[in-house]
Amino acid sequence: MTQVRPMRADARRNYERLLKAAVAAFAEHGENASLDDIAKRAGVGSGTLYRHFPTRQALLEAAYVDRIEALANRADELAGELPPGEALTEWLYELGAGTIEVRGMKALLGSAVTDGTGSAAVTACGTSVRDAATRLVEAAQAEGTLRADIEPIELLRLTHGVVTASELANGQGGNIRRYLSLLTEGLRPGAG
């Protein structure tokens, strides 16, 4: 049995700096951002980048997982701060805005919310998002602010569509809150 050694503190810092730099670079330049530029932004050499992330895909997935895991964790924070319906709406906004911020990873969000496609990391990340959505959807349904027949995966797919529509409207997603409001208002019990 092979044991995985924990990362040294300096290696962990480099890893985290690389992820932060990658998210910023992918947001600015898309998924084809320069890996050398990412290493420079993180203050490390290219060799360090490749030790942690042997391929562009590995770095893209790690940055995606880091960002989406943070958004999934945010669901629980919002659930503790807001009534269920408001927590769900705010989380969907933050999920959508986060997706727009990392344009180079947006295509991966589509994979993450489908059933069983994508790499193991992306699939696991999709599971975290679906689990967070499930908790928020069930709470809003129990509160009576969300239709009982809405499935969490349907809401994630609709949100992905709203993000895409918002980007098409002005290229920056400036309408996302309005579009999500229209969507969530239409999903209330008795709407339509």
N, C-alpha and C. Protein backbone atom coordinates (compact mmCIF):
# COMPACT_ATOMS: atom_id res chain seq x y z
N MET A 1 0.84 -1.19 0.00
CA MET A 1 0.00 0.00 0.00
C MET A 1 0.89 1.25 0.00
N THR A 2 0.63 2.15 -0.90
CA THR A 2 1.41 3.38 -1.01
C THR A 2 0.75 4.48 -0.19
N GLN A 3 1.54 5.11 0.65
CA GLN A 3 1.01 6.22 1.43
C GLN A 3 1.32 7.52 0.72
N VAL A 4 0.34 8.41 0.73
CA VAL A 4 0.55 9.73 0.16
C VAL A 4 1.04 10.65 1.27
N ARG A 5 2.22 11.22 1.04
CA ARG A 5 2.77 12.13 2.05
C ARG A 5 2.10 13.48 1.94
N PRO A 6 1.86 14.12 3.08
CA PRO A 6 1.29 15.46 3.01
C PRO A 6 2.29 16.42 2.36
N MET A 7 1.77 17.44 1.72
CA MET A 7 2.61 18.42 1.04
C MET A 7 3.32 19.28 2.08
N ARG A 8 4.61 19.54 1.84
CA ARG A 8 5.35 20.46 2.71
C ARG A 8 4.66 21.82 2.66
N ALA A 9 4.88 22.62 3.70
CA ALA A 9 4.23 23.94 3.79
C ALA A 9 4.58 24.83 2.61
N ASP A 10 5.86 24.84 2.20
CA ASP A 10 6.25 25.69 1.07
C ASP A 10 5.65 25.18 -0.24
N ALA A 11 5.57 23.87 -0.38
CA ALA A 11 4.96 23.29 -1.59
C ALA A 11 3.46 23.61 -1.63
N ARG A 12 2.82 23.55 -0.47
CA ARG A 12 1.39 23.88 -0.39
C ARG A 12 1.16 25.34 -0.76
N ARG A 13 2.02 26.24 -0.28
CA ARG A 13 1.89 27.66 -0.62
C ARG A 13 2.06 27.86 -2.12
N ASN A 14 3.06 27.20 -2.71
CA ASN A 14 3.27 27.31 -4.15
C ASN A 14 2.05 26.80 -4.92
N TYR A 15 1.51 25.69 -4.47
CA TYR A 15 0.32 25.10 -5.11
C TYR A 15 -0.84 26.10 -5.08
N GLU A 16 -1.08 26.68 -3.91
CA GLU A 16 -2.18 27.64 -3.77
C GLU A 16 -1.94 28.90 -4.59
N ARG A 17 -0.69 29.38 -4.64
CA ARG A 17 -0.37 30.56 -5.45
C ARG A 17 -0.56 30.25 -6.93
N LEU A 18 -0.18 29.06 -7.34
CA LEU A 18 -0.38 28.66 -8.74
C LEU A 18 -1.87 28.61 -9.09
N LEU A 19 -2.68 28.06 -8.19
CA LEU A 19 -4.12 28.01 -8.46
C LEU A 19 -4.71 29.41 -8.58
N LYS A 20 -4.32 30.30 -7.67
CA LYS A 20 -4.83 31.67 -7.71
C LYS A 20 -4.40 32.37 -8.99
N ALA A 21 -3.16 32.20 -9.37
CA ALA A 21 -2.65 32.82 -10.61
C ALA A 21 -3.34 32.21 -11.83
N ALA A 22 -3.59 30.91 -11.79
CA ALA A 22 -4.26 30.25 -12.92
C ALA A 22 -5.68 30.77 -13.10
N VAL A 23 -6.42 30.90 -12.00
CA VAL A 23 -7.79 31.41 -12.10
C VAL A 23 -7.78 32.81 -12.73
N ALA A 24 -6.87 33.67 -12.28
CA ALA A 24 -6.79 35.02 -12.83
C ALA A 24 -6.41 34.99 -14.31
N ALA A 25 -5.44 34.17 -14.67
CA ALA A 25 -5.00 34.10 -16.07
C ALA A 25 -6.08 33.51 -16.96
N PHE A 26 -6.76 32.47 -16.49
CA PHE A 26 -7.82 31.87 -17.30
C PHE A 26 -8.98 32.84 -17.46
N ALA A 27 -9.25 33.64 -16.43
CA ALA A 27 -10.33 34.63 -16.52
C ALA A 27 -9.99 35.70 -17.56
N GLU A 28 -8.73 36.10 -17.61
CA GLU A 28 -8.30 37.14 -18.55
C GLU A 28 -8.12 36.63 -19.98
N HIS A 29 -7.56 35.42 -20.12
CA HIS A 29 -7.12 34.96 -21.43
C HIS A 29 -7.78 33.67 -21.90
N GLY A 30 -8.72 33.14 -21.12
CA GLY A 30 -9.36 31.89 -21.50
C GLY A 30 -8.47 30.70 -21.20
N GLU A 31 -8.93 29.52 -21.63
CA GLU A 31 -8.22 28.29 -21.28
C GLU A 31 -6.86 28.16 -21.93
N ASN A 32 -6.53 29.01 -22.90
CA ASN A 32 -5.23 28.96 -23.54
C ASN A 32 -4.23 29.96 -22.94
N ALA A 33 -4.48 30.41 -21.73
CA ALA A 33 -3.56 31.33 -21.05
C ALA A 33 -2.17 30.71 -21.00
N SER A 34 -1.16 31.55 -21.05
CA SER A 34 0.23 31.10 -21.04
C SER A 34 0.59 30.48 -19.70
N LEU A 35 1.09 29.25 -19.74
CA LEU A 35 1.50 28.60 -18.50
C LEU A 35 2.73 29.29 -17.91
N ASP A 36 3.63 29.79 -18.76
CA ASP A 36 4.79 30.53 -18.26
C ASP A 36 4.33 31.79 -17.52
N ASP A 37 3.31 32.47 -18.05
CA ASP A 37 2.77 33.65 -17.40
C ASP A 37 2.16 33.29 -16.04
N ILE A 38 1.48 32.16 -15.98
CA ILE A 38 0.88 31.71 -14.72
C ILE A 38 1.98 31.47 -13.69
N ALA A 39 3.06 30.81 -14.09
CA ALA A 39 4.18 30.56 -13.17
C ALA A 39 4.77 31.87 -12.68
N LYS A 40 4.98 32.83 -13.60
CA LYS A 40 5.52 34.14 -13.22
C LYS A 40 4.60 34.85 -12.24
N ARG A 41 3.29 34.85 -12.52
CA ARG A 41 2.32 35.49 -11.62
C ARG A 41 2.38 34.89 -10.22
N ALA A 42 2.61 33.60 -10.17
CA ALA A 42 2.66 32.90 -8.88
C ALA A 42 4.01 33.05 -8.19
N GLY A 43 4.99 33.61 -8.91
CA GLY A 43 6.31 33.79 -8.34
C GLY A 43 7.11 32.51 -8.22
N VAL A 44 6.85 31.57 -9.13
CA VAL A 44 7.58 30.30 -9.14
C VAL A 44 8.10 30.04 -10.55
N GLY A 45 8.99 29.09 -10.67
CA GLY A 45 9.51 28.70 -11.97
C GLY A 45 8.57 27.74 -12.68
N SER A 46 8.79 27.60 -13.97
CA SER A 46 7.96 26.68 -14.76
C SER A 46 8.06 25.25 -14.25
N GLY A 47 9.25 24.87 -13.77
CA GLY A 47 9.43 23.51 -13.25
C GLY A 47 8.50 23.23 -12.07
N THR A 48 8.33 24.22 -11.20
CA THR A 48 7.42 24.08 -10.07
C THR A 48 5.99 23.90 -10.55
N LEU A 49 5.61 24.69 -11.54
CA LEU A 49 4.26 24.55 -12.10
C LEU A 49 4.06 23.13 -12.62
N TYR A 50 5.01 22.62 -13.40
CA TYR A 50 4.84 21.30 -14.01
C TYR A 50 4.96 20.16 -12.99
N ARG A 51 5.64 20.38 -11.86
CA ARG A 51 5.67 19.36 -10.81
C ARG A 51 4.28 19.20 -10.20
N HIS A 52 3.61 20.32 -10.03
CA HIS A 52 2.26 20.27 -9.45
C HIS A 52 1.21 19.90 -10.49
N PHE A 53 1.38 20.41 -11.70
CA PHE A 53 0.38 20.24 -12.76
C PHE A 53 1.09 19.86 -14.06
N PRO A 54 1.20 18.57 -14.33
CA PRO A 54 1.98 18.13 -15.49
C PRO A 54 1.39 18.52 -16.84
N THR A 55 0.11 18.86 -16.88
CA THR A 55 -0.51 19.26 -18.14
C THR A 55 -1.39 20.49 -17.93
N ARG A 56 -1.68 21.17 -19.01
CA ARG A 56 -2.61 22.31 -18.97
C ARG A 56 -3.97 21.85 -18.43
N GLN A 57 -4.42 20.69 -18.88
CA GLN A 57 -5.71 20.16 -18.43
C GLN A 57 -5.71 19.94 -16.92
N ALA A 58 -4.61 19.44 -16.37
CA ALA A 58 -4.52 19.21 -14.92
C ALA A 58 -4.64 20.54 -14.17
N LEU A 59 -3.97 21.58 -14.67
CA LEU A 59 -4.05 22.89 -14.02
C LEU A 59 -5.44 23.48 -14.16
N LEU A 60 -6.02 23.39 -15.34
CA LEU A 60 -7.36 23.90 -15.56
C LEU A 60 -8.37 23.21 -14.65
N GLU A 61 -8.27 21.90 -14.56
CA GLU A 61 -9.19 21.16 -13.69
C GLU A 61 -8.98 21.51 -12.22
N ALA A 62 -7.73 21.63 -11.78
CA ALA A 62 -7.46 21.96 -10.38
C ALA A 62 -7.99 23.35 -10.03
N ALA A 63 -7.78 24.31 -10.94
CA ALA A 63 -8.30 25.66 -10.70
C ALA A 63 -9.82 25.66 -10.69
N TYR A 64 -10.40 24.91 -11.59
CA TYR A 64 -11.86 24.77 -11.64
C TYR A 64 -12.39 24.16 -10.36
N VAL A 65 -11.78 23.05 -9.95
CA VAL A 65 -12.23 22.36 -8.73
C VAL A 65 -12.11 23.29 -7.53
N ASP A 66 -11.00 24.00 -7.41
CA ASP A 66 -10.81 24.92 -6.30
C ASP A 66 -11.91 25.98 -6.27
N ARG A 67 -12.19 26.58 -7.42
CA ARG A 67 -13.20 27.64 -7.50
C ARG A 67 -14.60 27.11 -7.23
N ILE A 68 -14.95 25.99 -7.84
CA ILE A 68 -16.29 25.45 -7.69
C ILE A 68 -16.49 24.88 -6.29
N GLU A 69 -15.47 24.28 -5.71
CA GLU A 69 -15.59 23.79 -4.33
C GLU A 69 -15.87 24.96 -3.38
N ALA A 70 -15.20 26.08 -3.62
CA ALA A 70 -15.46 27.28 -2.80
C ALA A 70 -16.91 27.74 -2.98
N LEU A 71 -17.41 27.70 -4.20
CA LEU A 71 -18.80 28.09 -4.44
C LEU A 71 -19.77 27.09 -3.81
N ALA A 72 -19.44 25.81 -3.88
CA ALA A 72 -20.30 24.79 -3.24
C ALA A 72 -20.33 25.01 -1.73
N ASN A 73 -19.18 25.29 -1.14
CA ASN A 73 -19.13 25.55 0.30
C ASN A 73 -19.90 26.81 0.68
N ARG A 74 -19.95 27.75 -0.24
CA ARG A 74 -20.68 29.01 0.01
C ARG A 74 -22.17 28.75 0.22
N ALA A 75 -22.70 27.68 -0.36
CA ALA A 75 -24.11 27.35 -0.18
C ALA A 75 -24.45 27.19 1.30
N ASP A 76 -23.59 26.50 2.03
CA ASP A 76 -23.84 26.29 3.46
C ASP A 76 -23.73 27.60 4.25
N GLU A 77 -22.78 28.45 3.86
CA GLU A 77 -22.66 29.75 4.53
C GLU A 77 -23.93 30.56 4.34
N LEU A 78 -24.41 30.61 3.09
CA LEU A 78 -25.63 31.39 2.81
C LEU A 78 -26.84 30.80 3.51
N ALA A 79 -26.91 29.46 3.59
CA ALA A 79 -28.03 28.80 4.27
C ALA A 79 -28.07 29.18 5.75
N GLY A 80 -26.91 29.46 6.33
CA GLY A 80 -26.86 29.87 7.73
C GLY A 80 -27.16 31.35 7.94
N GLU A 81 -27.11 32.14 6.86
CA GLU A 81 -27.28 33.59 6.97
C GLU A 81 -28.64 34.10 6.49
N LEU A 82 -29.26 33.38 5.55
CA LEU A 82 -30.46 33.89 4.89
C LEU A 82 -31.60 32.87 4.96
N PRO A 83 -32.84 33.33 4.79
CA PRO A 83 -33.95 32.38 4.65
C PRO A 83 -33.71 31.49 3.43
N PRO A 84 -34.25 30.28 3.41
CA PRO A 84 -33.94 29.32 2.35
C PRO A 84 -34.11 29.82 0.91
N GLY A 85 -35.21 30.46 0.59
CA GLY A 85 -35.41 30.93 -0.77
C GLY A 85 -34.39 31.99 -1.17
N GLU A 86 -34.09 32.89 -0.26
CA GLU A 86 -33.08 33.93 -0.53
C GLU A 86 -31.68 33.32 -0.63
N ALA A 87 -31.39 32.33 0.21
CA ALA A 87 -30.08 31.67 0.16
C ALA A 87 -29.91 30.99 -1.20
N LEU A 88 -30.95 30.32 -1.68
CA LEU A 88 -30.87 29.66 -2.98
C LEU A 88 -30.64 30.67 -4.10
N THR A 89 -31.40 31.74 -4.10
CA THR A 89 -31.26 32.76 -5.15
C THR A 89 -29.87 33.39 -5.13
N GLU A 90 -29.39 33.74 -3.95
CA GLU A 90 -28.06 34.36 -3.84
C GLU A 90 -26.97 33.38 -4.26
N TRP A 91 -27.11 32.11 -3.88
CA TRP A 91 -26.12 31.12 -4.25
C TRP A 91 -26.09 30.92 -5.77
N LEU A 92 -27.26 30.87 -6.39
CA LEU A 92 -27.29 30.72 -7.85
C LEU A 92 -26.62 31.92 -8.52
N TYR A 93 -26.83 33.12 -7.97
CA TYR A 93 -26.17 34.30 -8.52
C TYR A 93 -24.65 34.16 -8.37
N GLU A 94 -24.18 33.81 -7.18
CA GLU A 94 -22.74 33.68 -6.95
C GLU A 94 -22.15 32.57 -7.82
N LEU A 95 -22.88 31.47 -7.99
CA LEU A 95 -22.42 30.40 -8.85
C LEU A 95 -22.31 30.90 -10.29
N GLY A 96 -23.32 31.63 -10.76
CA GLY A 96 -23.30 32.17 -12.12
C GLY A 96 -22.22 33.20 -12.31
N ALA A 97 -22.10 34.13 -11.37
CA ALA A 97 -21.06 35.16 -11.46
C ALA A 97 -19.68 34.54 -11.41
N GLY A 98 -19.50 33.53 -10.57
CA GLY A 98 -18.22 32.84 -10.49
C GLY A 98 -17.88 32.14 -11.79
N THR A 99 -18.89 31.60 -12.44
CA THR A 99 -18.68 30.95 -13.73
C THR A 99 -18.21 31.96 -14.76
N ILE A 100 -18.81 33.14 -14.76
CA ILE A 100 -18.42 34.17 -15.72
C ILE A 100 -17.00 34.65 -15.43
N GLU A 101 -16.64 34.76 -14.15
CA GLU A 101 -15.30 35.22 -13.79
C GLU A 101 -14.21 34.30 -14.33
N VAL A 102 -14.51 33.05 -14.46
CA VAL A 102 -13.51 32.09 -14.94
C VAL A 102 -13.94 31.54 -16.30
N ARG A 103 -14.00 32.43 -17.26
CA ARG A 103 -14.48 32.08 -18.60
C ARG A 103 -13.80 30.85 -19.19
N GLY A 104 -12.53 30.71 -18.98
CA GLY A 104 -11.81 29.57 -19.54
C GLY A 104 -12.29 28.25 -18.98
N MET A 105 -12.97 28.30 -17.84
CA MET A 105 -13.46 27.08 -17.20
C MET A 105 -14.96 26.88 -17.39
N LYS A 106 -15.62 27.82 -18.06
CA LYS A 106 -17.07 27.75 -18.21
C LYS A 106 -17.52 26.48 -18.91
N ALA A 107 -16.79 26.06 -19.91
CA ALA A 107 -17.17 24.83 -20.62
C ALA A 107 -17.17 23.64 -19.67
N LEU A 108 -16.27 23.66 -18.69
CA LEU A 108 -16.24 22.57 -17.71
C LEU A 108 -17.48 22.57 -16.83
N LEU A 109 -18.07 23.72 -16.59
CA LEU A 109 -19.28 23.75 -15.77
C LEU A 109 -20.38 22.97 -16.46
N GLY A 110 -20.46 23.09 -17.77
CA GLY A 110 -21.45 22.31 -18.51
C GLY A 110 -21.25 20.83 -18.27
N SER A 111 -20.01 20.35 -18.27
CA SER A 111 -19.72 18.94 -18.00
C SER A 111 -20.06 18.59 -16.55
N ALA A 112 -19.80 19.49 -15.65
CA ALA A 112 -19.99 19.20 -14.23
C ALA A 112 -21.45 19.01 -13.87
N VAL A 113 -22.35 19.62 -14.62
CA VAL A 113 -23.76 19.50 -14.26
C VAL A 113 -24.50 18.49 -15.13
N THR A 114 -23.77 17.74 -15.93
CA THR A 114 -24.40 16.63 -16.64
C THR A 114 -24.13 15.37 -15.87
N ASP A 115 -24.82 14.33 -16.19
CA ASP A 115 -24.70 13.10 -15.42
C ASP A 115 -23.55 12.23 -15.93
N GLY A 116 -22.43 12.22 -15.21
CA GLY A 116 -21.38 11.25 -15.43
C GLY A 116 -20.38 11.53 -16.53
N THR A 117 -20.30 12.73 -17.08
CA THR A 117 -19.29 12.98 -18.10
C THR A 117 -18.14 13.76 -17.49
N GLY A 118 -17.04 13.83 -18.18
CA GLY A 118 -15.90 14.60 -17.71
C GLY A 118 -14.95 13.75 -16.90
N SER A 119 -13.84 14.35 -16.50
CA SER A 119 -12.83 13.64 -15.73
C SER A 119 -13.33 13.37 -14.32
N ALA A 120 -12.57 12.56 -13.59
CA ALA A 120 -12.96 12.24 -12.21
C ALA A 120 -13.02 13.51 -11.35
N ALA A 121 -12.06 14.43 -11.54
CA ALA A 121 -12.06 15.67 -10.75
C ALA A 121 -13.28 16.51 -11.06
N VAL A 122 -13.59 16.64 -12.34
CA VAL A 122 -14.75 17.44 -12.74
C VAL A 122 -16.03 16.78 -12.28
N THR A 123 -16.11 15.46 -12.38
CA THR A 123 -17.30 14.75 -11.93
C THR A 123 -17.49 14.91 -10.42
N ALA A 124 -16.41 14.80 -9.66
CA ALA A 124 -16.49 14.98 -8.20
C ALA A 124 -16.93 16.40 -7.87
N CYS A 125 -16.43 17.36 -8.62
CA CYS A 125 -16.80 18.75 -8.41
C CYS A 125 -18.27 18.95 -8.72
N GLY A 126 -18.73 18.32 -9.79
CA GLY A 126 -20.15 18.39 -10.14
C GLY A 126 -21.00 17.81 -9.03
N THR A 127 -20.50 16.77 -8.39
CA THR A 127 -21.23 16.17 -7.27
C THR A 127 -21.35 17.16 -6.12
N SER A 128 -20.28 17.89 -5.82
CA SER A 128 -20.32 18.89 -4.75
C SER A 128 -21.35 19.98 -5.04
N VAL A 129 -21.37 20.43 -6.29
CA VAL A 129 -22.32 21.47 -6.68
C VAL A 129 -23.74 20.92 -6.61
N ARG A 130 -23.94 19.71 -7.13
CA ARG A 130 -25.29 19.12 -7.07
C ARG A 130 -25.74 18.91 -5.63
N ASP A 131 -24.82 18.47 -4.76
CA ASP A 131 -25.18 18.27 -3.36
C ASP A 131 -25.56 19.60 -2.70
N ALA A 132 -24.79 20.65 -2.99
CA ALA A 132 -25.11 21.97 -2.44
C ALA A 132 -26.46 22.44 -2.97
N ALA A 133 -26.69 22.28 -4.26
CA ALA A 133 -27.97 22.67 -4.85
C ALA A 133 -29.11 21.88 -4.23
N THR A 134 -28.90 20.61 -4.00
CA THR A 134 -29.94 19.76 -3.41
C THR A 134 -30.33 20.28 -2.03
N ARG A 135 -29.33 20.59 -1.21
CA ARG A 135 -29.63 21.10 0.14
C ARG A 135 -30.43 22.40 0.08
N LEU A 136 -30.02 23.31 -0.79
CA LEU A 136 -30.71 24.59 -0.90
C LEU A 136 -32.10 24.45 -1.51
N VAL A 137 -32.22 23.61 -2.53
CA VAL A 137 -33.52 23.39 -3.18
C VAL A 137 -34.50 22.77 -2.19
N GLU A 138 -34.07 21.74 -1.48
CA GLU A 138 -34.96 21.09 -0.52
C GLU A 138 -35.40 22.04 0.58
N ALA A 139 -34.50 22.89 1.05
CA ALA A 139 -34.86 23.86 2.09
C ALA A 139 -35.87 24.89 1.55
N ALA A 140 -35.65 25.37 0.34
CA ALA A 140 -36.58 26.35 -0.25
C ALA A 140 -37.93 25.70 -0.53
N GLN A 141 -37.93 24.44 -0.94
CA GLN A 141 -39.20 23.74 -1.16
C GLN A 141 -39.93 23.55 0.16
N ALA A 142 -39.21 23.18 1.21
CA ALA A 142 -39.83 23.01 2.53
C ALA A 142 -40.39 24.34 3.05
N GLU A 143 -39.70 25.42 2.72
CA GLU A 143 -40.15 26.76 3.12
C GLU A 143 -41.37 27.19 2.31
N GLY A 144 -41.57 26.59 1.14
CA GLY A 144 -42.69 26.94 0.28
C GLY A 144 -42.38 28.06 -0.71
N THR A 145 -41.09 28.37 -0.90
CA THR A 145 -40.73 29.44 -1.83
C THR A 145 -40.23 28.92 -3.17
N LEU A 146 -40.24 27.59 -3.35
CA LEU A 146 -39.81 26.98 -4.61
C LEU A 146 -40.76 25.83 -4.92
N ARG A 147 -41.15 25.75 -6.18
CA ARG A 147 -42.05 24.67 -6.61
C ARG A 147 -41.51 23.32 -6.18
N ALA A 148 -42.42 22.44 -5.80
CA ALA A 148 -42.03 21.12 -5.31
C ALA A 148 -41.53 20.20 -6.41
N ASP A 149 -41.85 20.49 -7.67
CA ASP A 149 -41.49 19.58 -8.75
C ASP A 149 -40.16 19.93 -9.43
N ILE A 150 -39.42 20.88 -8.88
CA ILE A 150 -38.13 21.26 -9.44
C ILE A 150 -37.04 20.35 -8.89
N GLU A 151 -36.25 19.77 -9.78
CA GLU A 151 -35.11 18.95 -9.38
C GLU A 151 -33.86 19.83 -9.34
N PRO A 152 -32.95 19.58 -8.41
CA PRO A 152 -31.73 20.39 -8.32
C PRO A 152 -30.94 20.44 -9.64
N ILE A 153 -30.81 19.32 -10.34
CA ILE A 153 -30.05 19.31 -11.59
C ILE A 153 -30.73 20.20 -12.64
N GLU A 154 -32.06 20.24 -12.62
CA GLU A 154 -32.76 21.11 -13.56
C GLU A 154 -32.43 22.57 -13.27
N LEU A 155 -32.40 22.93 -12.00
CA LEU A 155 -32.10 24.31 -11.63
C LEU A 155 -30.66 24.68 -12.00
N LEU A 156 -29.72 23.74 -11.84
CA LEU A 156 -28.34 24.00 -12.24
C LEU A 156 -28.23 24.19 -13.75
N ARG A 157 -28.94 23.37 -14.49
CA ARG A 157 -28.90 23.51 -15.95
C ARG A 157 -29.54 24.81 -16.40
N LEU A 158 -30.64 25.18 -15.78
CA LEU A 158 -31.27 26.46 -16.10
C LEU A 158 -30.35 27.62 -15.76
N THR A 159 -29.66 27.53 -14.64
CA THR A 159 -28.72 28.59 -14.25
C THR A 159 -27.59 28.69 -15.26
N HIS A 160 -27.10 27.56 -15.72
CA HIS A 160 -26.06 27.57 -16.74
C HIS A 160 -26.57 28.28 -18.00
N GLY A 161 -27.81 28.02 -18.36
CA GLY A 161 -28.42 28.71 -19.51
C GLY A 161 -28.54 30.20 -19.29
N VAL A 162 -28.91 30.59 -18.07
CA VAL A 162 -29.02 32.01 -17.73
C VAL A 162 -27.65 32.69 -17.83
N VAL A 163 -26.62 32.02 -17.35
CA VAL A 163 -25.26 32.57 -17.44
C VAL A 163 -24.89 32.80 -18.90
N THR A 164 -25.16 31.82 -19.73
CA THR A 164 -24.86 31.94 -21.16
C THR A 164 -25.65 33.08 -21.79
N ALA A 165 -26.95 33.17 -21.48
CA ALA A 165 -27.78 34.25 -22.03
C ALA A 165 -27.29 35.61 -21.56
N SER A 166 -26.88 35.70 -20.31
CA SER A 166 -26.39 36.97 -19.78
C SER A 166 -25.10 37.39 -20.47
N GLU A 167 -24.22 36.44 -20.72
CA GLU A 167 -22.98 36.76 -21.45
C GLU A 167 -23.28 37.20 -22.87
N LEU A 168 -24.25 36.57 -23.51
CA LEU A 168 -24.60 36.93 -24.88
C LEU A 168 -25.21 38.33 -24.94
N ALA A 169 -25.89 38.73 -23.88
CA ALA A 169 -26.58 40.02 -23.87
C ALA A 169 -25.61 41.19 -23.93
N ASN A 170 -24.51 41.10 -23.20
CA ASN A 170 -23.57 42.23 -23.21
C ASN A 170 -22.11 41.83 -23.14
N GLY A 171 -21.84 40.55 -23.26
CA GLY A 171 -20.46 40.08 -23.27
C GLY A 171 -19.80 39.99 -21.92
N GLN A 172 -20.44 40.47 -20.87
CA GLN A 172 -19.82 40.46 -19.54
C GLN A 172 -20.72 39.87 -18.46
N GLY A 173 -21.92 39.49 -18.81
CA GLY A 173 -22.81 38.91 -17.82
C GLY A 173 -23.45 39.91 -16.90
N GLY A 174 -23.55 41.17 -17.32
CA GLY A 174 -24.11 42.21 -16.47
C GLY A 174 -25.58 42.03 -16.12
N ASN A 175 -26.28 41.20 -16.86
CA ASN A 175 -27.71 41.00 -16.62
C ASN A 175 -28.00 39.75 -15.81
N ILE A 176 -27.00 39.11 -15.28
CA ILE A 176 -27.22 37.81 -14.66
C ILE A 176 -28.20 37.88 -13.48
N ARG A 177 -28.10 38.90 -12.63
CA ARG A 177 -29.00 38.99 -11.49
C ARG A 177 -30.44 39.15 -11.96
N ARG A 178 -30.65 40.00 -12.97
CA ARG A 178 -32.01 40.19 -13.51
C ARG A 178 -32.54 38.89 -14.10
N TYR A 179 -31.74 38.21 -14.90
CA TYR A 179 -32.19 36.98 -15.53
C TYR A 179 -32.47 35.90 -14.50
N LEU A 180 -31.63 35.81 -13.47
CA LEU A 180 -31.89 34.82 -12.41
C LEU A 180 -33.15 35.18 -11.63
N SER A 181 -33.39 36.46 -11.45
CA SER A 181 -34.61 36.89 -10.77
C SER A 181 -35.84 36.46 -11.57
N LEU A 182 -35.78 36.67 -12.88
CA LEU A 182 -36.90 36.24 -13.73
C LEU A 182 -37.10 34.73 -13.64
N LEU A 183 -36.00 34.00 -13.63
CA LEU A 183 -36.07 32.55 -13.53
C LEU A 183 -36.66 32.11 -12.18
N THR A 184 -36.11 32.62 -11.09
CA THR A 184 -36.56 32.16 -9.77
C THR A 184 -37.99 32.61 -9.46
N GLU A 185 -38.37 33.80 -9.94
CA GLU A 185 -39.76 34.24 -9.75
C GLU A 185 -40.71 33.27 -10.45
N GLY A 186 -40.31 32.80 -11.62
CA GLY A 186 -41.13 31.86 -12.36
C GLY A 186 -41.18 30.47 -11.76
N LEU A 187 -40.28 30.18 -10.83
CA LEU A 187 -40.24 28.85 -10.20
C LEU A 187 -40.93 28.82 -8.84
N ARG A 188 -41.52 29.94 -8.45
CA ARG A 188 -42.25 29.96 -7.18
C ARG A 188 -43.56 29.18 -7.32
N PRO A 189 -44.05 28.61 -6.25
CA PRO A 189 -45.33 27.91 -6.31
C PRO A 189 -46.43 28.87 -6.80
N GLY A 190 -47.25 28.41 -7.70
CA GLY A 190 -48.35 29.21 -8.20
C GLY A 190 -47.96 30.20 -9.29
N ALA A 191 -46.68 30.27 -9.66
CA ALA A 191 -46.25 31.19 -10.72
C ALA A 191 -46.69 30.65 -12.07
N GLY A 192 -46.92 31.56 -12.97
CA GLY A 192 -47.23 31.18 -14.35
C GLY A 192 -48.62 30.79 -14.48
